[in-house]
């Protein structure tokens, strides 16, 4: 459970820093897929959705990697 909370907090921090830098210094997003979403939609919600999906998606075997069994 601690691992999941840590991943969520780091992901939210990453999103917050990305948005602050994009608005203040004109930073370029290093991830080409996230950069594409930023240029295509000019939307914070699209970037947030991409970052959320990249953390919560299942792996190619269909197992949920956040399960701590």
PDB file of N, CA and C in Angstrom:
ATOM      1  N   UNK A   1       0.821  -1.189   0.000  1.00  0.00           N
ATOM      2  CA  UNK A   1       0.000   0.000   0.000  1.00  0.00           C
ATOM      3  C   UNK A   1       0.868   1.257   0.000  1.00  0.00           C
ATOM      4  N   UNK A   2       1.969   1.209   0.739  1.00  0.00           N
ATOM      5  CA  UNK A   2       2.876   2.357   0.790  1.00  0.00           C
ATOM      6  C   UNK A   2       3.461   2.622  -0.589  1.00  0.00           C
ATOM      7  N   UNK A   3       3.777   1.565  -1.323  1.00  0.00           N
ATOM      8  CA  UNK A   3       4.325   1.706  -2.666  1.00  0.00           C
ATOM      9  C   UNK A   3       3.329   2.408  -3.597  1.00  0.00           C
ATOM     10  N   UNK A   4       2.082   2.021  -3.518  1.00  0.00           N
ATOM     11  CA  UNK A   4       1.053   2.622  -4.373  1.00  0.00           C
ATOM     12  C   UNK A   4       0.887   4.108  -4.052  1.00  0.00           C
ATOM     13  N   UNK A   5       0.832   4.436  -2.773  1.00  0.00           N
ATOM     14  CA  UNK A   5       0.711   5.839  -2.364  1.00  0.00           C
ATOM     15  C   UNK A   5       1.932   6.633  -2.835  1.00  0.00           C
ATOM     16  N   UNK A   6       3.123   6.043  -2.711  1.00  0.00           N
ATOM     17  CA  UNK A   6       4.338   6.701  -3.168  1.00  0.00           C
ATOM     18  C   UNK A   6       4.324   6.965  -4.668  1.00  0.00           C
ATOM     19  N   UNK A   7       3.875   5.996  -5.442  1.00  0.00           N
ATOM     20  CA  UNK A   7       3.797   6.158  -6.895  1.00  0.00           C
ATOM     21  C   UNK A   7       2.807   7.262  -7.256  1.00  0.00           C
ATOM     22  N   UNK A   8       1.676   7.285  -6.581  1.00  0.00           N
ATOM     23  CA  UNK A   8       0.662   8.320  -6.853  1.00  0.00           C
ATOM     24  C   UNK A   8       1.207   9.702  -6.508  1.00  0.00           C
ATOM     25  N   UNK A   9       1.864   9.835  -5.354  1.00  0.00           N
ATOM     26  CA  UNK A   9       2.410  11.138  -4.953  1.00  0.00           C
ATOM     27  C   UNK A   9       3.497  11.611  -5.909  1.00  0.00           C
ATOM     28  N   UNK A  10       4.381  10.709  -6.327  1.00  0.00           N
ATOM     29  CA  UNK A  10       5.422  11.087  -7.278  1.00  0.00           C
ATOM     30  C   UNK A  10       4.822  11.484  -8.625  1.00  0.00           C
ATOM     31  N   UNK A  11       3.798  10.784  -9.061  1.00  0.00           N
ATOM     32  CA  UNK A  11       3.153  11.113 -10.330  1.00  0.00           C
ATOM     33  C   UNK A  11       2.474  12.473 -10.277  1.00  0.00           C
ATOM     34  N   UNK A  12       1.798  12.766  -9.173  1.00  0.00           N
ATOM     35  CA  UNK A  12       1.165  14.082  -9.024  1.00  0.00           C
ATOM     36  C   UNK A  12       2.217  15.184  -8.956  1.00  0.00           C
ATOM     37  N   UNK A  13       3.314  14.925  -8.271  1.00  0.00           N
ATOM     38  CA  UNK A  13       4.403  15.893  -8.222  1.00  0.00           C
ATOM     39  C   UNK A  13       5.004  16.140  -9.591  1.00  0.00           C
ATOM     40  N   UNK A  14       5.178  15.076 -10.362  1.00  0.00           N
ATOM     41  CA  UNK A  14       5.705  15.201 -11.723  1.00  0.00           C
ATOM     42  C   UNK A  14       4.774  16.053 -12.583  1.00  0.00           C
ATOM     43  N   UNK A  15       3.487  15.807 -12.486  1.00  0.00           N
ATOM     44  CA  UNK A  15       2.515  16.590 -13.250  1.00  0.00           C
ATOM     45  C   UNK A  15       2.550  18.057 -12.832  1.00  0.00           C
ATOM     46  N   UNK A  16       2.607  18.310 -11.529  1.00  0.00           N
ATOM     47  CA  UNK A  16       2.631  19.689 -11.044  1.00  0.00           C
ATOM     48  C   UNK A  16       3.878  20.429 -11.529  1.00  0.00           C
ATOM     49  N   UNK A  17       5.038  19.812 -11.424  1.00  0.00           N
ATOM     50  CA  UNK A  17       6.278  20.452 -11.865  1.00  0.00           C
ATOM     51  C   UNK A  17       6.264  20.678 -13.376  1.00  0.00           C
ATOM     52  N   UNK A  18       5.757  19.699 -14.123  1.00  0.00           N
ATOM     53  CA  UNK A  18       5.661  19.855 -15.579  1.00  0.00           C
ATOM     54  C   UNK A  18       4.793  21.058 -15.934  1.00  0.00           C
ATOM     55  N   UNK A  19       3.637  21.184 -15.294  1.00  0.00           N
ATOM     56  CA  UNK A  19       2.731  22.285 -15.596  1.00  0.00           C
ATOM     57  C   UNK A  19       3.325  23.637 -15.185  1.00  0.00           C
ATOM     58  N   UNK A  20       3.993  23.680 -14.050  1.00  0.00           N
ATOM     59  CA  UNK A  20       4.630  24.926 -13.611  1.00  0.00           C
ATOM     60  C   UNK A  20       5.712  25.340 -14.601  1.00  0.00           C
ATOM     61  N   UNK A  21       6.559  24.400 -14.993  1.00  0.00           N
ATOM     62  CA  UNK A  21       7.642  24.723 -15.929  1.00  0.00           C
ATOM     63  C   UNK A  21       7.120  25.107 -17.308  1.00  0.00           C
ATOM     64  N   UNK A  22       6.087  24.423 -17.776  1.00  0.00           N
ATOM     65  CA  UNK A  22       5.531  24.747 -19.086  1.00  0.00           C
ATOM     66  C   UNK A  22       4.949  26.159 -19.110  1.00  0.00           C
ATOM     67  N   UNK A  23       4.362  26.575 -18.004  1.00  0.00           N
ATOM     68  CA  UNK A  23       3.734  27.897 -17.951  1.00  0.00           C
ATOM     69  C   UNK A  23       4.715  29.023 -17.675  1.00  0.00           C
ATOM     70  N   UNK A  24       5.828  28.725 -16.990  1.00  0.00           N
ATOM     71  CA  UNK A  24       6.716  29.813 -16.585  1.00  0.00           C
ATOM     72  C   UNK A  24       7.945  29.957 -17.486  1.00  0.00           C
ATOM     73  N   UNK A  25       8.633  28.874 -17.782  1.00  0.00           N
ATOM     74  CA  UNK A  25       9.896  28.979 -18.515  1.00  0.00           C
ATOM     75  C   UNK A  25       9.796  28.510 -19.959  1.00  0.00           C
ATOM     76  N   UNK A  26       8.670  27.974 -20.351  1.00  0.00           N
ATOM     77  CA  UNK A  26       8.543  27.475 -21.716  1.00  0.00           C
ATOM     78  C   UNK A  26       9.301  26.186 -21.949  1.00  0.00           C
ATOM     79  N   UNK A  27       9.376  25.355 -20.923  1.00  0.00           N
ATOM     80  CA  UNK A  27      10.094  24.089 -20.984  1.00  0.00           C
ATOM     81  C   UNK A  27       9.544  23.189 -22.088  1.00  0.00           C
ATOM     82  N   UNK A  28      10.409  22.425 -22.715  1.00  0.00           N
ATOM     83  CA  UNK A  28       9.992  21.408 -23.676  1.00  0.00           C
ATOM     84  C   UNK A  28       9.806  20.082 -22.944  1.00  0.00           C
ATOM     85  N   UNK A  29       8.743  19.383 -23.221  1.00  0.00           N
ATOM     86  CA  UNK A  29       8.500  18.066 -22.643  1.00  0.00           C
ATOM     87  C   UNK A  29       9.422  17.063 -23.326  1.00  0.00           C
ATOM     88  N   UNK A  30      10.188  16.319 -22.541  1.00  0.00           N
ATOM     89  CA  UNK A  30      11.156  15.354 -23.083  1.00  0.00           C
ATOM     90  C   UNK A  30      10.483  14.104 -23.637  1.00  0.00           C
ATOM     91  N   UNK A  31       9.327  13.752 -23.089  1.00  0.00           N
ATOM     92  CA  UNK A  31       8.595  12.577 -23.557  1.00  0.00           C
ATOM     93  C   UNK A  31       7.871  12.954 -24.850  1.00  0.00           C
ATOM     94  N   UNK A  32       8.185  12.287 -25.960  1.00  0.00           N
ATOM     95  CA  UNK A  32       7.569  12.683 -27.238  1.00  0.00           C
ATOM     96  C   UNK A  32       6.054  12.485 -27.279  1.00  0.00           C
ATOM     97  N   UNK A  33       5.551  11.490 -26.586  1.00  0.00           N
ATOM     98  CA  UNK A  33       4.105  11.259 -26.593  1.00  0.00           C
ATOM     99  C   UNK A  33       3.397  12.352 -25.790  1.00  0.00           C
ATOM    100  N   UNK A  34       3.917  12.670 -24.618  1.00  0.00           N
ATOM    101  CA  UNK A  34       3.327  13.744 -23.811  1.00  0.00           C
ATOM    102  C   UNK A  34       3.450  15.080 -24.543  1.00  0.00           C
ATOM    103  N   UNK A  35       4.590  15.306 -25.200  1.00  0.00           N
ATOM    104  CA  UNK A  35       4.764  16.535 -25.975  1.00  0.00           C
ATOM    105  C   UNK A  35       3.747  16.639 -27.099  1.00  0.00           C
ATOM    106  N   UNK A  36       3.441  15.508 -27.728  1.00  0.00           N
ATOM    107  CA  UNK A  36       2.431  15.483 -28.792  1.00  0.00           C
ATOM    108  C   UNK A  36       1.065  15.889 -28.243  1.00  0.00           C
ATOM    109  N   UNK A  37       0.687  15.329 -27.070  1.00  0.00           N
ATOM    110  CA  UNK A  37      -0.593  15.685 -26.467  1.00  0.00           C
ATOM    111  C   UNK A  37      -0.654  17.173 -26.112  1.00  0.00           C
ATOM    112  N   UNK A  38       0.464  17.715 -25.630  1.00  0.00           N
ATOM    113  CA  UNK A  38       0.489  19.135 -25.280  1.00  0.00           C
ATOM    114  C   UNK A  38       0.292  19.987 -26.526  1.00  0.00           C
ATOM    115  N   UNK A  39       1.013  19.673 -27.593  1.00  0.00           N
ATOM    116  CA  UNK A  39       0.893  20.466 -28.831  1.00  0.00           C
ATOM    117  C   UNK A  39      -0.462  20.288 -29.492  1.00  0.00           C
ATOM    118  N   UNK A  40      -0.989  19.063 -29.469  1.00  0.00           N
ATOM    119  CA  UNK A  40      -2.251  18.779 -30.154  1.00  0.00           C
ATOM    120  C   UNK A  40      -3.445  19.432 -29.469  1.00  0.00           C
ATOM    121  N   UNK A  41      -3.508  19.318 -28.153  1.00  0.00           N
ATOM    122  CA  UNK A  41      -4.718  19.745 -27.447  1.00  0.00           C
ATOM    123  C   UNK A  41      -4.585  21.070 -26.715  1.00  0.00           C
ATOM    124  N   UNK A  42      -3.362  21.483 -26.400  1.00  0.00           N
ATOM    125  CA  UNK A  42      -3.148  22.677 -25.577  1.00  0.00           C
ATOM    126  C   UNK A  42      -3.973  22.586 -24.296  1.00  0.00           C
ATOM    127  N   UNK A  43      -4.074  21.364 -23.758  1.00  0.00           N
ATOM    128  CA  UNK A  43      -4.966  21.116 -22.626  1.00  0.00           C
ATOM    129  C   UNK A  43      -4.221  20.443 -21.480  1.00  0.00           C
ATOM    130  N   UNK A  44      -4.453  20.936 -20.283  1.00  0.00           N
ATOM    131  CA  UNK A  44      -3.882  20.327 -19.090  1.00  0.00           C
ATOM    132  C   UNK A  44      -4.523  18.961 -18.841  1.00  0.00           C
ATOM    133  N   UNK A  45      -5.811  18.852 -19.110  1.00  0.00           N
ATOM    134  CA  UNK A  45      -6.505  17.590 -18.838  1.00  0.00           C
ATOM    135  C   UNK A  45      -5.996  16.453 -19.714  1.00  0.00           C
ATOM    136  N   UNK A  46      -5.633  16.724 -20.959  1.00  0.00           N
ATOM    137  CA  UNK A  46      -5.088  15.676 -21.832  1.00  0.00           C
ATOM    138  C   UNK A  46      -3.736  15.192 -21.316  1.00  0.00           C
ATOM    139  N   UNK A  47      -2.892  16.123 -20.878  1.00  0.00           N
ATOM    140  CA  UNK A  47      -1.597  15.740 -20.328  1.00  0.00           C
ATOM    141  C   UNK A  47      -1.780  14.951 -19.039  1.00  0.00           C
ATOM    142  N   UNK A  48      -2.689  15.385 -18.180  1.00  0.00           N
ATOM    143  CA  UNK A  48      -2.950  14.671 -16.923  1.00  0.00           C
ATOM    144  C   UNK A  48      -3.488  13.274 -17.195  1.00  0.00           C
ATOM    145  N   UNK A  49      -4.382  13.141 -18.161  1.00  0.00           N
ATOM    146  CA  UNK A  49      -4.928  11.826 -18.498  1.00  0.00           C
ATOM    147  C   UNK A  49      -3.836  10.903 -19.029  1.00  0.00           C
ATOM    148  N   UNK A  50      -2.953  11.417 -19.886  1.00  0.00           N
ATOM    149  CA  UNK A  50      -1.859  10.600 -20.404  1.00  0.00           C
ATOM    150  C   UNK A  50      -0.945  10.132 -19.263  1.00  0.00           C
ATOM    151  N   UNK A  51      -0.581  11.048 -18.384  1.00  0.00           N
ATOM    152  CA  UNK A  51       0.314  10.680 -17.282  1.00  0.00           C
ATOM    153  C   UNK A  51      -0.355   9.673 -16.360  1.00  0.00           C
ATOM    154  N   UNK A  52      -1.655   9.825 -16.109  1.00  0.00           N
ATOM    155  CA  UNK A  52      -2.376   8.883 -15.268  1.00  0.00           C
ATOM    156  C   UNK A  52      -2.419   7.498 -15.926  1.00  0.00           C
ATOM    157  N   UNK A  53      -2.707   7.462 -17.217  1.00  0.00           N
ATOM    158  CA  UNK A  53      -2.770   6.178 -17.915  1.00  0.00           C
ATOM    159  C   UNK A  53      -1.408   5.497 -18.002  1.00  0.00           C
ATOM    160  N   UNK A  54      -0.354   6.288 -18.114  1.00  0.00           N
ATOM    161  CA  UNK A  54       0.976   5.686 -18.216  1.00  0.00           C
ATOM    162  C   UNK A  54       1.405   5.049 -16.902  1.00  0.00           C
ATOM    163  N   UNK A  55       0.824   5.458 -15.783  1.00  0.00           N
ATOM    164  CA  UNK A  55       1.159   4.879 -14.485  1.00  0.00           C
ATOM    165  C   UNK A  55       0.232   3.714 -14.151  1.00  0.00           C
ATOM    166  N   UNK A  56      -1.023   3.777 -14.562  1.00  0.00           N
ATOM    167  CA  UNK A  56      -2.010   2.783 -14.125  1.00  0.00           C
ATOM    168  C   UNK A  56      -2.288   1.678 -15.130  1.00  0.00           C
ATOM    169  N   UNK A  57      -1.674   1.714 -16.297  1.00  0.00           N
ATOM    170  CA  UNK A  57      -1.976   0.704 -17.314  1.00  0.00           C
ATOM    171  C   UNK A  57      -1.480  -0.674 -16.894  1.00  0.00           C
ATOM    172  N   UNK A  58      -2.070  -1.717 -17.472  1.00  0.00           N
ATOM    173  CA  UNK A  58      -1.626  -3.092 -17.240  1.00  0.00           C
ATOM    174  C   UNK A  58      -0.464  -3.404 -18.153  1.00  0.00           C
ATOM    175  N   UNK A  59       0.349  -4.359 -17.736  1.00  0.00           N
ATOM    176  CA  UNK A  59       1.462  -4.746 -18.599  1.00  0.00           C
ATOM    177  C   UNK A  59       0.973  -5.654 -19.722  1.00  0.00           C
ATOM    178  N   UNK A  60       1.859  -6.051 -20.612  1.00  0.00           N
ATOM    179  CA  UNK A  60       1.442  -6.798 -21.808  1.00  0.00           C
ATOM    180  C   UNK A  60       0.924  -8.198 -21.505  1.00  0.00           C
ATOM    181  N   UNK A  61       1.151  -8.690 -20.293  1.00  0.00           N
ATOM    182  CA  UNK A  61       0.653 -10.016 -19.931  1.00  0.00           C
ATOM    183  C   UNK A  61      -0.724  -9.955 -19.287  1.00  0.00           C
ATOM    184  N   UNK A  62      -1.242  -8.737 -19.099  1.00  0.00           N
ATOM    185  CA  UNK A  62      -2.570  -8.585 -18.520  1.00  0.00           C
ATOM    186  C   UNK A  62      -2.577  -8.569 -17.005  1.00  0.00           C
ATOM    187  N   UNK A  63      -1.411  -8.728 -16.366  1.00  0.00           N
ATOM    188  CA  UNK A  63      -1.350  -8.700 -14.910  1.00  0.00           C
ATOM    189  C   UNK A  63      -1.262  -7.257 -14.445  1.00  0.00           C
ATOM    190  N   UNK A  64      -1.967  -6.953 -13.395  1.00  0.00           N
ATOM    191  CA  UNK A  64      -1.895  -5.610 -12.840  1.00  0.00           C
ATOM    192  C   UNK A  64      -0.623  -5.507 -12.024  1.00  0.00           C
ATOM    193  N   UNK A  65       0.323  -4.676 -12.470  1.00  0.00           N
ATOM    194  CA  UNK A  65       1.620  -4.604 -11.802  1.00  0.00           C
ATOM    195  C   UNK A  65       1.576  -3.896 -10.470  1.00  0.00           C
ATOM    196  N   UNK A  66       0.459  -3.246 -10.141  1.00  0.00           N
ATOM    197  CA  UNK A  66       0.347  -2.614  -8.831  1.00  0.00           C
ATOM    198  C   UNK A  66      -0.145  -3.581  -7.767  1.00  0.00           C
ATOM    199  N   UNK A  67      -0.558  -4.788  -8.155  1.00  0.00           N
ATOM    200  CA  UNK A  67      -0.996  -5.778  -7.184  1.00  0.00           C
ATOM    201  C   UNK A  67       0.208  -6.321  -6.442  1.00  0.00           C
ATOM    202  N   UNK A  68       0.126  -6.300  -5.140  1.00  0.00           N
ATOM    203  CA  UNK A  68       1.263  -6.720  -4.316  1.00  0.00           C
ATOM    204  C   UNK A  68       1.046  -8.117  -3.744  1.00  0.00           C
ATOM    205  N   UNK A  69       0.624  -9.060  -4.561  1.00  0.00           N
ATOM    206  CA  UNK A  69       0.393 -10.438  -4.093  1.00  0.00           C
ATOM    207  C   UNK A  69       1.690 -11.196  -4.009  1.00  0.00           C
TER     208      UNK A  69
END
